[in-house]
N, C-alpha and C. Protein backbone atom coordinates (compact mmCIF):
# COMPACT_ATOMS: atom_id res chain seq x y z
N MET A 1 95.33 137.97 106.04
CA MET A 1 95.83 138.02 107.41
C MET A 1 95.67 136.67 108.08
N LEU A 2 94.52 136.06 107.90
CA LEU A 2 94.25 134.75 108.49
C LEU A 2 95.20 133.70 107.92
N TYR A 3 95.40 133.75 106.61
CA TYR A 3 96.29 132.79 105.96
C TYR A 3 97.73 132.94 106.45
N SER A 4 98.22 134.16 106.60
CA SER A 4 99.59 134.38 107.06
C SER A 4 99.76 133.94 108.52
N THR A 5 98.73 134.15 109.34
CA THR A 5 98.80 133.71 110.73
C THR A 5 98.85 132.19 110.82
N ILE A 6 98.04 131.52 110.04
CA ILE A 6 98.03 130.05 110.04
C ILE A 6 99.35 129.50 109.51
N SER A 7 99.86 130.09 108.46
CA SER A 7 101.13 129.60 107.90
C SER A 7 102.28 129.84 108.88
N TYR A 8 102.25 130.96 109.63
CA TYR A 8 103.27 131.23 110.63
C TYR A 8 103.23 130.19 111.74
N ILE A 9 102.05 129.86 112.21
CA ILE A 9 101.90 128.87 113.30
C ILE A 9 102.36 127.50 112.83
N THR A 10 101.97 127.10 111.63
CA THR A 10 102.38 125.78 111.13
C THR A 10 103.87 125.74 110.86
N SER A 11 104.46 126.83 110.37
CA SER A 11 105.90 126.82 110.13
C SER A 11 106.67 126.76 111.44
N ARG A 12 106.14 127.39 112.48
CA ARG A 12 106.79 127.34 113.79
C ARG A 12 106.75 125.93 114.35
N LYS A 13 105.63 125.23 114.16
CA LYS A 13 105.52 123.85 114.60
C LYS A 13 106.48 122.96 113.81
N ASN A 14 106.58 123.21 112.51
CA ASN A 14 107.48 122.43 111.67
C ASN A 14 108.94 122.65 112.06
N LYS A 15 109.28 123.87 112.42
CA LYS A 15 110.65 124.14 112.84
C LYS A 15 110.99 123.42 114.13
N SER A 16 110.05 123.39 115.07
CA SER A 16 110.32 122.67 116.32
C SER A 16 110.41 121.17 116.06
N LEU A 17 109.59 120.68 115.15
CA LEU A 17 109.65 119.27 114.78
C LEU A 17 110.97 118.96 114.09
N GLU A 18 111.43 119.84 113.21
CA GLU A 18 112.70 119.66 112.53
C GLU A 18 113.86 119.66 113.52
N LYS A 19 113.81 120.53 114.52
CA LYS A 19 114.87 120.56 115.53
C LYS A 19 114.93 119.24 116.30
N GLU A 20 113.77 118.71 116.68
CA GLU A 20 113.75 117.44 117.40
C GLU A 20 114.26 116.30 116.53
N LEU A 21 113.84 116.28 115.27
CA LEU A 21 114.30 115.23 114.37
C LEU A 21 115.80 115.34 114.10
N SER A 22 116.30 116.55 113.94
CA SER A 22 117.73 116.71 113.70
C SER A 22 118.53 116.30 114.93
N LYS A 23 117.98 116.54 116.12
CA LYS A 23 118.66 116.12 117.35
C LYS A 23 118.72 114.60 117.41
N GLU A 24 117.62 113.94 117.04
CA GLU A 24 117.61 112.48 117.03
C GLU A 24 118.61 111.94 116.01
N TYR A 25 118.68 112.57 114.83
CA TYR A 25 119.64 112.12 113.82
C TYR A 25 121.07 112.35 114.27
N ASP A 26 121.33 113.47 114.95
CA ASP A 26 122.67 113.74 115.46
C ASP A 26 123.08 112.70 116.50
N GLU A 27 122.15 112.35 117.40
CA GLU A 27 122.44 111.32 118.40
C GLU A 27 122.67 109.97 117.73
N ARG A 28 121.89 109.68 116.71
CA ARG A 28 122.03 108.42 115.98
C ARG A 28 123.37 108.37 115.26
N ASP A 29 123.76 109.48 114.63
CA ASP A 29 125.04 109.53 113.94
C ASP A 29 126.20 109.37 114.92
N ALA A 30 126.09 109.99 116.09
CA ALA A 30 127.15 109.85 117.09
C ALA A 30 127.24 108.41 117.58
N LEU A 31 126.09 107.76 117.77
CA LEU A 31 126.08 106.36 118.18
C LEU A 31 126.71 105.47 117.11
N ILE A 32 126.37 105.73 115.86
CA ILE A 32 126.93 104.94 114.75
C ILE A 32 128.44 105.15 114.67
N ASP A 33 128.90 106.40 114.80
CA ASP A 33 130.33 106.67 114.75
C ASP A 33 131.07 105.96 115.88
N GLY A 34 130.48 105.92 117.06
CA GLY A 34 131.10 105.23 118.18
C GLY A 34 131.19 103.73 117.95
N LYS A 35 130.13 103.14 117.45
CA LYS A 35 130.14 101.71 117.18
C LYS A 35 131.12 101.35 116.07
N VAL A 36 131.19 102.18 115.03
CA VAL A 36 132.12 101.95 113.93
C VAL A 36 133.56 102.05 114.43
N ALA A 37 133.84 103.04 115.27
CA ALA A 37 135.18 103.21 115.80
C ALA A 37 135.57 102.01 116.67
N ARG A 38 134.65 101.53 117.47
CA ARG A 38 134.94 100.38 118.33
C ARG A 38 135.20 99.13 117.49
N PHE A 39 134.39 98.93 116.45
CA PHE A 39 134.58 97.77 115.57
C PHE A 39 135.92 97.88 114.84
N SER A 40 136.26 99.07 114.38
CA SER A 40 137.54 99.27 113.68
C SER A 40 138.72 99.01 114.62
N LEU A 41 138.58 99.39 115.86
CA LEU A 41 139.65 99.14 116.83
C LEU A 41 139.84 97.65 117.06
N HIS A 42 138.75 96.90 117.15
CA HIS A 42 138.85 95.45 117.31
C HIS A 42 139.51 94.81 116.09
N ILE A 43 139.14 95.26 114.90
CA ILE A 43 139.75 94.74 113.67
C ILE A 43 141.25 95.05 113.66
N LEU A 44 141.62 96.26 114.04
CA LEU A 44 143.02 96.66 114.06
C LEU A 44 143.82 95.79 115.03
N MET A 45 143.29 95.56 116.21
CA MET A 45 144.00 94.72 117.19
C MET A 45 144.19 93.31 116.65
N CYS A 46 143.16 92.74 116.05
CA CYS A 46 143.28 91.39 115.49
C CYS A 46 144.31 91.36 114.37
N GLU A 47 144.31 92.35 113.51
CA GLU A 47 145.28 92.39 112.42
C GLU A 47 146.71 92.51 112.94
N ILE A 48 146.91 93.31 113.95
CA ILE A 48 148.25 93.47 114.52
C ILE A 48 148.74 92.15 115.10
N PHE A 49 147.87 91.47 115.82
CA PHE A 49 148.27 90.17 116.38
C PHE A 49 148.57 89.15 115.28
N ILE A 50 147.77 89.14 114.24
CA ILE A 50 148.01 88.21 113.13
C ILE A 50 149.32 88.55 112.43
N LEU A 51 149.56 89.84 112.17
CA LEU A 51 150.81 90.23 111.53
C LEU A 51 152.01 89.92 112.41
N MET A 52 151.88 90.11 113.72
CA MET A 52 152.98 89.76 114.63
C MET A 52 153.28 88.27 114.58
N PHE A 53 152.25 87.45 114.49
CA PHE A 53 152.44 86.01 114.41
C PHE A 53 153.06 85.61 113.08
N ILE A 54 152.57 86.18 112.00
CA ILE A 54 153.07 85.82 110.67
C ILE A 54 154.52 86.25 110.48
N THR A 55 154.90 87.41 111.03
CA THR A 55 156.27 87.89 110.83
C THR A 55 157.30 87.03 111.54
N ASN A 56 156.89 86.14 112.42
CA ASN A 56 157.84 85.20 113.01
C ASN A 56 158.31 84.17 111.98
N PHE A 57 157.49 83.92 110.97
CA PHE A 57 157.80 82.88 109.99
C PHE A 57 158.16 83.44 108.62
N VAL A 58 157.61 84.60 108.26
CA VAL A 58 157.80 85.18 106.94
C VAL A 58 158.22 86.64 107.11
N VAL A 59 159.14 87.08 106.26
CA VAL A 59 159.55 88.48 106.29
C VAL A 59 158.57 89.28 105.43
N ILE A 60 157.91 90.25 106.07
CA ILE A 60 156.95 91.11 105.38
C ILE A 60 157.49 92.54 105.41
N PRO A 61 157.61 93.16 104.23
CA PRO A 61 158.05 94.57 104.23
C PRO A 61 157.06 95.47 104.98
N THR A 62 157.59 96.48 105.61
CA THR A 62 156.76 97.38 106.41
C THR A 62 155.70 98.07 105.57
N ASN A 63 156.08 98.51 104.39
CA ASN A 63 155.11 99.21 103.53
C ASN A 63 153.95 98.29 103.16
N THR A 64 154.24 97.04 102.90
CA THR A 64 153.18 96.09 102.54
C THR A 64 152.26 95.85 103.72
N ALA A 65 152.82 95.67 104.90
CA ALA A 65 152.01 95.43 106.09
C ALA A 65 151.11 96.63 106.40
N LEU A 66 151.68 97.82 106.31
CA LEU A 66 150.87 99.02 106.57
C LEU A 66 149.79 99.21 105.51
N PHE A 67 150.10 98.88 104.27
CA PHE A 67 149.10 98.99 103.21
C PHE A 67 147.95 98.02 103.45
N VAL A 68 148.28 96.80 103.85
CA VAL A 68 147.23 95.80 104.14
C VAL A 68 146.35 96.27 105.30
N VAL A 69 146.96 96.80 106.34
CA VAL A 69 146.20 97.30 107.49
C VAL A 69 145.31 98.47 107.07
N LEU A 70 145.84 99.38 106.29
CA LEU A 70 145.08 100.54 105.85
C LEU A 70 143.88 100.15 104.99
N VAL A 71 144.10 99.28 104.03
CA VAL A 71 143.01 98.86 103.15
C VAL A 71 141.95 98.10 103.91
N SER A 72 142.37 97.20 104.80
CA SER A 72 141.38 96.42 105.55
C SER A 72 140.58 97.30 106.50
N LEU A 73 141.20 98.32 107.09
CA LEU A 73 140.45 99.24 107.96
C LEU A 73 139.47 100.08 107.17
N MET A 74 139.85 100.49 105.97
CA MET A 74 138.91 101.25 105.14
C MET A 74 137.72 100.40 104.76
N ILE A 75 137.97 99.15 104.40
CA ILE A 75 136.88 98.25 104.04
C ILE A 75 135.99 97.96 105.24
N SER A 76 136.59 97.70 106.39
CA SER A 76 135.79 97.40 107.58
C SER A 76 134.99 98.62 108.03
N GLN A 77 135.54 99.82 107.90
CA GLN A 77 134.79 101.02 108.29
C GLN A 77 133.59 101.23 107.37
N ILE A 78 133.78 101.09 106.08
CA ILE A 78 132.67 101.26 105.15
C ILE A 78 131.60 100.22 105.40
N GLY A 79 132.02 98.97 105.56
CA GLY A 79 131.06 97.90 105.79
C GLY A 79 130.31 98.04 107.10
N SER A 80 131.03 98.37 108.17
CA SER A 80 130.36 98.50 109.47
C SER A 80 129.45 99.72 109.50
N ARG A 81 129.83 100.80 108.82
CA ARG A 81 128.96 101.98 108.78
C ARG A 81 127.65 101.64 108.05
N LYS A 82 127.75 100.93 106.93
CA LYS A 82 126.53 100.54 106.22
C LYS A 82 125.68 99.59 107.07
N TYR A 83 126.33 98.66 107.77
CA TYR A 83 125.60 97.73 108.62
C TYR A 83 124.87 98.47 109.74
N TYR A 84 125.55 99.36 110.44
CA TYR A 84 124.92 100.05 111.55
C TYR A 84 123.87 101.05 111.06
N ASN A 85 124.02 101.60 109.86
CA ASN A 85 122.96 102.46 109.32
C ASN A 85 121.70 101.66 109.05
N LEU A 86 121.85 100.42 108.62
CA LEU A 86 120.68 99.58 108.38
C LEU A 86 120.06 99.08 109.68
N VAL A 87 120.89 98.72 110.65
CA VAL A 87 120.39 98.12 111.90
C VAL A 87 119.80 99.18 112.82
N LEU A 88 120.51 100.30 112.97
CA LEU A 88 120.03 101.33 113.90
C LEU A 88 119.10 102.23 113.21
């Protein structure tokens, strides 16, 4: 009886601790997602401006331009997510 009472009390404390830790991780994940999205948006704007400038001098097919934008955004998202996971 004593053992079950002690284990119940400690498990209840652990559950409250787990809830607090999961809340902190959820807030951290939301912060990381926001920072990654903001960084990706800045990268996208820069790429669009560069492509607009380059297309004045060179003809670039639409599929190629969209592929370059897509690949660079995937790379920047992966890299920025890893960076913010390490920093935050």
